[in-house]
C-alpha atoms as a PDB file:
ATOM      1  CA  MET A   1       2.731 -16.283   4.423  1.00  0.00           C
ATOM      2  CA  ASN A   2       4.955 -17.745   1.738  1.00  0.00           C
ATOM      3  CA  GLU A   3       3.370 -21.160   2.137  1.00  0.00           C
ATOM      4  CA  VAL A   4      -0.246 -20.065   1.698  1.00  0.00           C
ATOM      5  CA  SER A   5      -0.220 -18.379  -1.676  1.00  0.00           C
ATOM      6  CA  GLN A   6      -4.002 -18.566  -1.940  1.00  0.00           C
ATOM      7  CA  HIS A   7      -4.129 -15.692   0.582  1.00  0.00           C
ATOM      8  CA  THR A   8      -3.017 -12.115   0.042  1.00  0.00           C
ATOM      9  CA  PHE A   9      -1.254 -10.461   2.979  1.00  0.00           C
ATOM     10  CA  GLN A  10      -1.225  -6.678   3.177  1.00  0.00           C
ATOM     11  CA  VAL A  11       1.625  -5.713   5.475  1.00  0.00           C
ATOM     12  CA  LEU A  12       1.334  -2.077   6.556  1.00  0.00           C
ATOM     13  CA  THR A  13       4.070  -0.208   8.418  1.00  0.00           C
ATOM     14  CA  LYS A  14       5.147   3.237   9.505  1.00  0.00           C
ATOM     15  CA  ARG A  15       8.745   1.989   9.553  1.00  0.00           C
ATOM     16  CA  PRO A  16       9.709   0.971   6.020  1.00  0.00           C
ATOM     17  CA  GLU A  17      13.384   1.527   6.823  1.00  0.00           C
ATOM     18  CA  ARG A  18      13.086  -1.378   9.291  1.00  0.00           C
ATOM     19  CA  VAL A  19      11.722  -3.596   6.525  1.00  0.00           C
ATOM     20  CA  ARG A  20      14.712  -2.628   4.375  1.00  0.00           C
ATOM     21  CA  ALA A  21      17.061  -3.626   7.218  1.00  0.00           C
ATOM     22  CA  LEU A  22      15.387  -7.054   7.467  1.00  0.00           C
ATOM     23  CA  GLU A  23      14.975  -7.625   3.764  1.00  0.00           C
ATOM     24  CA  SER A  24      17.738 -10.199   3.431  1.00  0.00           C
ATOM     25  CA  ARG A  25      15.599 -12.457   5.624  1.00  0.00           C
ATOM     26  CA  LEU A  26      12.393 -11.927   3.649  1.00  0.00           C
ATOM     27  CA  TRP A  27      11.003 -13.832   0.713  1.00  0.00           C
ATOM     28  CA  TRP A  28       8.741 -11.544  -1.316  1.00  0.00           C
ATOM     29  CA  THR A  29       6.201 -13.832  -2.930  1.00  0.00           C
ATOM     30  CA  PRO A  30       3.422 -12.216  -5.008  1.00  0.00           C
ATOM     31  CA  ASN A  31       0.859 -12.703  -2.251  1.00  0.00           C
ATOM     32  CA  ILE A  32       2.729 -10.448   0.199  1.00  0.00           C
ATOM     33  CA  TRP A  33       2.038  -6.769  -0.378  1.00  0.00           C
ATOM     34  CA  LEU A  34       3.904  -4.028   1.468  1.00  0.00           C
ATOM     35  CA  GLY A  35       2.488  -0.618   2.268  1.00  0.00           C
ATOM     36  CA  VAL A  36       3.307   2.445   4.305  1.00  0.00           C
ATOM     37  CA  SER A  37       1.093   4.895   6.160  1.00  0.00           C
ATOM     38  CA  ILE A  38       1.482   8.501   5.079  1.00  0.00           C
ATOM     39  CA  GLU A  39      -0.861  10.841   6.903  1.00  0.00           C
ATOM     40  CA  SER A  40       0.374  14.138   5.490  1.00  0.00           C
ATOM     41  CA  GLU A  41       3.230  15.703   3.541  1.00  0.00           C
ATOM     42  CA  GLN A  42       5.358  15.487   6.704  1.00  0.00           C
ATOM     43  CA  TRP A  43       5.600  11.688   6.307  1.00  0.00           C
ATOM     44  CA  LEU A  44       6.484  11.489   2.593  1.00  0.00           C
ATOM     45  CA  GLU A  45       9.958  10.331   3.661  1.00  0.00           C
ATOM     46  CA  ARG A  46       8.449   6.853   4.123  1.00  0.00           C
ATOM     47  CA  LEU A  47       7.895   6.545   0.376  1.00  0.00           C
ATOM     48  CA  GLY A  48      11.555   6.054  -0.638  1.00  0.00           C
ATOM     49  CA  PRO A  49      12.281   3.069   1.611  1.00  0.00           C
ATOM     50  CA  LEU A  50       9.034   1.425   0.456  1.00  0.00           C
ATOM     51  CA  THR A  51       9.860   1.692  -3.232  1.00  0.00           C
ATOM     52  CA  ALA A  52      13.376   0.377  -2.545  1.00  0.00           C
ATOM     53  CA  THR A  53      12.071  -2.932  -1.189  1.00  0.00           C
ATOM     54  CA  GLY A  54      11.719  -6.105  -3.192  1.00  0.00           C
ATOM     55  CA  ALA A  55       7.989  -6.371  -2.481  1.00  0.00           C
ATOM     56  CA  ARG A  56       6.176  -7.087  -5.711  1.00  0.00           C
ATOM     57  CA  THR A  57       3.097  -5.044  -4.791  1.00  0.00           C
ATOM     58  CA  LYS A  58       3.638  -1.746  -2.998  1.00  0.00           C
ATOM     59  CA  PHE A  59       0.850   0.433  -1.679  1.00  0.00           C
ATOM     60  CA  LEU A  60       0.203   3.648   0.207  1.00  0.00           C
ATOM     61  CA  SER A  61      -2.295   3.985   3.013  1.00  0.00           C
ATOM     62  CA  LEU A  62      -3.031   7.709   3.143  1.00  0.00           C
ATOM     63  CA  GLU A  63      -5.096   7.476   6.283  1.00  0.00           C
ATOM     64  CA  PRO A  64      -5.984   9.027   8.414  1.00  0.00           C
ATOM     65  CA  LEU A  65      -5.426  11.787   5.884  1.00  0.00           C
ATOM     66  CA  LEU A  66      -4.541  14.789   8.046  1.00  0.00           C
ATOM     67  CA  GLY A  67      -3.280  17.229   5.435  1.00  0.00           C
ATOM     68  CA  PRO A  68      -2.636  17.750   1.754  1.00  0.00           C
ATOM     69  CA  ILE A  69       0.102  15.747   0.052  1.00  0.00           C
ATOM     70  CA  PRO A  70       1.259  17.940  -2.838  1.00  0.00           C
ATOM     71  CA  GLY A  71       3.716  16.505  -5.335  1.00  0.00           C
ATOM     72  CA  LEU A  72       2.901  12.892  -4.474  1.00  0.00           C
ATOM     73  CA  ASP A  73       5.151  10.730  -6.687  1.00  0.00           C
ATOM     74  CA  LEU A  74       3.505   7.398  -7.416  1.00  0.00           C
ATOM     75  CA  SER A  75       6.441   5.907  -9.330  1.00  0.00           C
ATOM     76  CA  GLY A  76       6.731   2.274  -8.277  1.00  0.00           C
ATOM     77  CA  ILE A  77       3.420   2.335  -6.377  1.00  0.00           C
ATOM     78  CA  ASP A  78       0.717  -0.198  -7.283  1.00  0.00           C
ATOM     79  CA  TRP A  79      -2.197   0.992  -5.165  1.00  0.00           C
ATOM     80  CA  VAL A  80      -3.338   3.967  -3.079  1.00  0.00           C
ATOM     81  CA  ILE A  81      -5.876   3.887  -0.249  1.00  0.00           C
ATOM     82  CA  ALA A  82      -7.154   7.159   1.230  1.00  0.00           C
ATOM     83  CA  GLY A  83      -9.505   7.849   4.086  1.00  0.00           C
ATOM     84  CA  GLY A  84     -10.396  10.110   6.946  1.00  0.00           C
ATOM     85  CA  GLU A  85      -9.975   9.626  10.652  1.00  0.00           C
ATOM     86  CA  SER A  86     -12.906   8.240  12.622  1.00  0.00           C
ATOM     87  CA  GLY A  87     -13.887   8.257  16.267  1.00  0.00           C
ATOM     88  CA  PRO A  88     -14.844  10.801  18.907  1.00  0.00           C
ATOM     89  CA  ARG A  89     -11.757  12.978  18.370  1.00  0.00           C
ATOM     90  CA  ALA A  90     -11.527  12.625  14.606  1.00  0.00           C
ATOM     91  CA  ARG A  91      -9.760  15.460  12.833  1.00  0.00           C
ATOM     92  CA  PRO A  92     -11.485  16.722   9.690  1.00  0.00           C
ATOM     93  CA  MET A  93     -10.349  15.821   6.190  1.00  0.00           C
ATOM     94  CA  GLN A  94     -10.767  18.245   3.299  1.00  0.00           C
ATOM     95  CA  VAL A  95     -12.352  17.140   0.027  1.00  0.00           C
ATOM     96  CA  GLU A  96      -9.609  18.958  -1.915  1.00  0.00           C
ATOM     97  CA  TRP A  97      -6.945  16.709  -0.361  1.00  0.00           C
ATOM     98  CA  VAL A  98      -8.770  13.567  -1.462  1.00  0.00           C
ATOM     99  CA  ARG A  99      -9.535  14.881  -4.951  1.00  0.00           C
ATOM    100  CA  SER A 100      -5.898  15.787  -5.480  1.00  0.00           C
ATOM    101  CA  ILE A 101      -4.796  12.261  -4.544  1.00  0.00           C
ATOM    102  CA  ARG A 102      -7.502  10.669  -6.679  1.00  0.00           C
ATOM    103  CA  ASP A 103      -6.566  12.848  -9.653  1.00  0.00           C
ATOM    104  CA  THR A 104      -2.877  11.969  -9.232  1.00  0.00           C
ATOM    105  CA  CYS A 105      -3.809   8.272  -9.222  1.00  0.00           C
ATOM    106  CA  VAL A 106      -5.996   8.619 -12.316  1.00  0.00           C
ATOM    107  CA  ARG A 107      -3.231  10.459 -14.213  1.00  0.00           C
ATOM    108  CA  GLY A 108      -0.657   7.850 -13.163  1.00  0.00           C
ATOM    109  CA  GLU A 109      -3.016   4.900 -13.788  1.00  0.00           C
ATOM    110  CA  VAL A 110      -2.601   3.772 -10.185  1.00  0.00           C
ATOM    111  CA  PRO A 111      -5.670   2.080  -8.653  1.00  0.00           C
ATOM    112  CA  PHE A 112      -7.387   4.294  -6.053  1.00  0.00           C
ATOM    113  CA  PHE A 113      -9.499   3.071  -3.134  1.00  0.00           C
ATOM    114  CA  PHE A 114     -11.420   5.647  -1.097  1.00  0.00           C
ATOM    115  CA  LYS A 115     -12.177   4.082   2.252  1.00  0.00           C
ATOM    116  CA  GLN A 116     -14.211   6.656   4.191  1.00  0.00           C
ATOM    117  CA  TRP A 117     -14.762  10.312   5.031  1.00  0.00           C
ATOM    118  CA  GLY A 118     -14.425   9.461   8.697  1.00  0.00           C
ATOM    119  CA  GLY A 119     -15.629  11.691  11.492  1.00  0.00           C
ATOM    120  CA  VAL A 120     -17.577  10.924  14.619  1.00  0.00           C
ATOM    121  CA  PHE A 121     -20.404   9.315  12.631  1.00  0.00           C
ATOM    122  CA  LYS A 122     -18.493   7.696   9.779  1.00  0.00           C
ATOM    123  CA  LYS A 123     -21.470   5.671   8.546  1.00  0.00           C
ATOM    124  CA  ARG A 124     -23.409   8.892   7.999  1.00  0.00           C
ATOM    125  CA  THR A 125     -20.580  10.549   6.094  1.00  0.00           C
ATOM    126  CA  GLY A 126     -20.142   7.527   3.835  1.00  0.00           C
ATOM    127  CA  ARG A 127     -17.454   6.824   1.291  1.00  0.00           C
ATOM    128  CA  THR A 128     -18.534   8.417  -1.959  1.00  0.00           C
ATOM    129  CA  LEU A 129     -16.321  10.981  -3.665  1.00  0.00           C
ATOM    130  CA  ASP A 130     -17.848  13.162  -6.367  1.00  0.00           C
ATOM    131  CA  GLY A 131     -20.903  10.957  -6.648  1.00  0.00           C
ATOM    132  CA  ARG A 132     -19.297   7.530  -6.798  1.00  0.00           C
ATOM    133  CA  THR A 133     -17.350   5.015  -4.763  1.00  0.00           C
ATOM    134  CA  TRP A 134     -13.716   4.302  -5.625  1.00  0.00           C
ATOM    135  CA  ASP A 135     -12.968   0.612  -5.048  1.00  0.00           C
ATOM    136  CA  GLN A 136     -10.070   0.059  -7.420  1.00  0.00           C
ATOM    137  CA  MET A 137      -7.551  -2.659  -6.619  1.00  0.00           C
ATOM    138  CA  PRO A 138      -4.194  -3.594  -8.124  1.00  0.00           C
ATOM    139  CA  ALA A 139      -4.419  -5.868 -11.164  1.00  0.00           C
ATOM    140  CA  VAL A 140      -2.449  -8.528  -9.282  1.00  0.00           C
ATOM    141  CA  ALA A 141      -5.581  -9.175  -7.224  1.00  0.00           C
ATOM    142  CA  ALA A 142      -7.195 -10.450 -10.411  1.00  0.00           C
ATOM    143  CA  GLY A 143      -4.078 -12.338 -11.472  1.00  0.00           C
ATOM    144  CA  THR A 144      -3.415 -10.091 -14.460  1.00  0.00           C
ATOM    145  CA  CYS A 145      -0.302  -8.278 -13.283  1.00  0.00           C
ATOM    146  CA  LYS A 146       2.864  -8.628 -15.316  1.00  0.00           C
ATOM    147  CA  ALA A 147       5.753 -10.371 -13.646  1.00  0.00           C
ATOM    148  CA  VAL A 148       7.901  -7.921 -11.726  1.00  0.00           C
ATOM    149  CA  PRO A 149      11.591  -8.715 -11.324  1.00  0.00           C
ATOM    150  CA  TYR A 150      12.644  -9.180  -7.737  1.00  0.00           C
ATOM    151  CA  ARG A 151      15.604 -10.475  -5.809  1.00  0.00           C
ATOM    152  CA  ALA A 152      14.766 -14.022  -4.779  1.00  0.00           C
ATOM    153  CA  VAL A 153      16.007 -14.800  -1.302  1.00  0.00           C
ATOM    154  CA  ALA A 154      14.648 -18.330  -1.052  1.00  0.00           C
ATOM    155  CA  ARG A 155      16.937 -21.282  -1.350  1.00  0.00           C
ATOM    156  CA  ARG A 156      16.162 -23.670  -4.169  1.00  0.00           C
ATOM    157  CA  SER A 157      16.284 -27.437  -4.169  1.00  0.00           C
ATOM    158  CA  SER A 158      18.325 -29.308  -6.764  1.00  0.00           C
ATOM    159  CA  ALA A 159      15.101 -29.588  -8.808  1.00  0.00           C
ATOM    160  CA  GLY A 160      14.758 -25.788  -8.773  1.00  0.00           C
ATOM    161  CA  ALA A 161      11.722 -25.647  -6.484  1.00  0.00           C
ATOM    162  CA  PRO A 162      11.692 -23.200  -3.572  1.00  0.00           C
ATOM    163  CA  THR A 163      12.411 -24.761  -0.216  1.00  0.00           C
ATOM    164  CA  ARG A 164      11.596 -23.455   3.240  1.00  0.00           C
ATOM    165  CA  MET A 165      13.277 -20.202   4.129  1.00  0.00           C
ATOM    166  CA  PRO A 166      16.391 -20.634   6.227  1.00  0.00           C
ATOM    167  CA  SER A 167      15.979 -19.784   9.891  1.00  0.00           C
ATOM    168  CA  ALA A 168      17.026 -16.321  10.938  1.00  0.00           C
ATOM    169  CA  PRO A 169      20.439 -16.336  12.631  1.00  0.00           C
END
């Protein structure tokens, strides 16, 4: 991933504490984004380990959204994706949950992407919220993001250029 900077990799996990444990072996280049899944308030504990990483772009995947997430703190978060569950046993998502998240993003100036309402017939339910689609992306996708300090793990050559990452022990 580090060697193909023309591509953006969105790494999504439910175990951000594991990423933290491996972080000394990782090289967070701008094209590697890290996100966590948070389905309801019960899983907000995943937020802290995410924001503690050296990833330059951090995002939340609030899907399938299975409950409200009151008091969502978006400090250190660059993007939020929300969406409902789909498939034959899809659990319903309430419009109030999505509006609350969207409003929190708007207040915090965090890009918001609404993926889908979900359900058994997700194409019929669509992806509009209050009469419009929400397709916002982090500014880094357009190359306009300010540089974010991070702990460089890569070794540097005598000329100062990054070299290949050392092999894991």
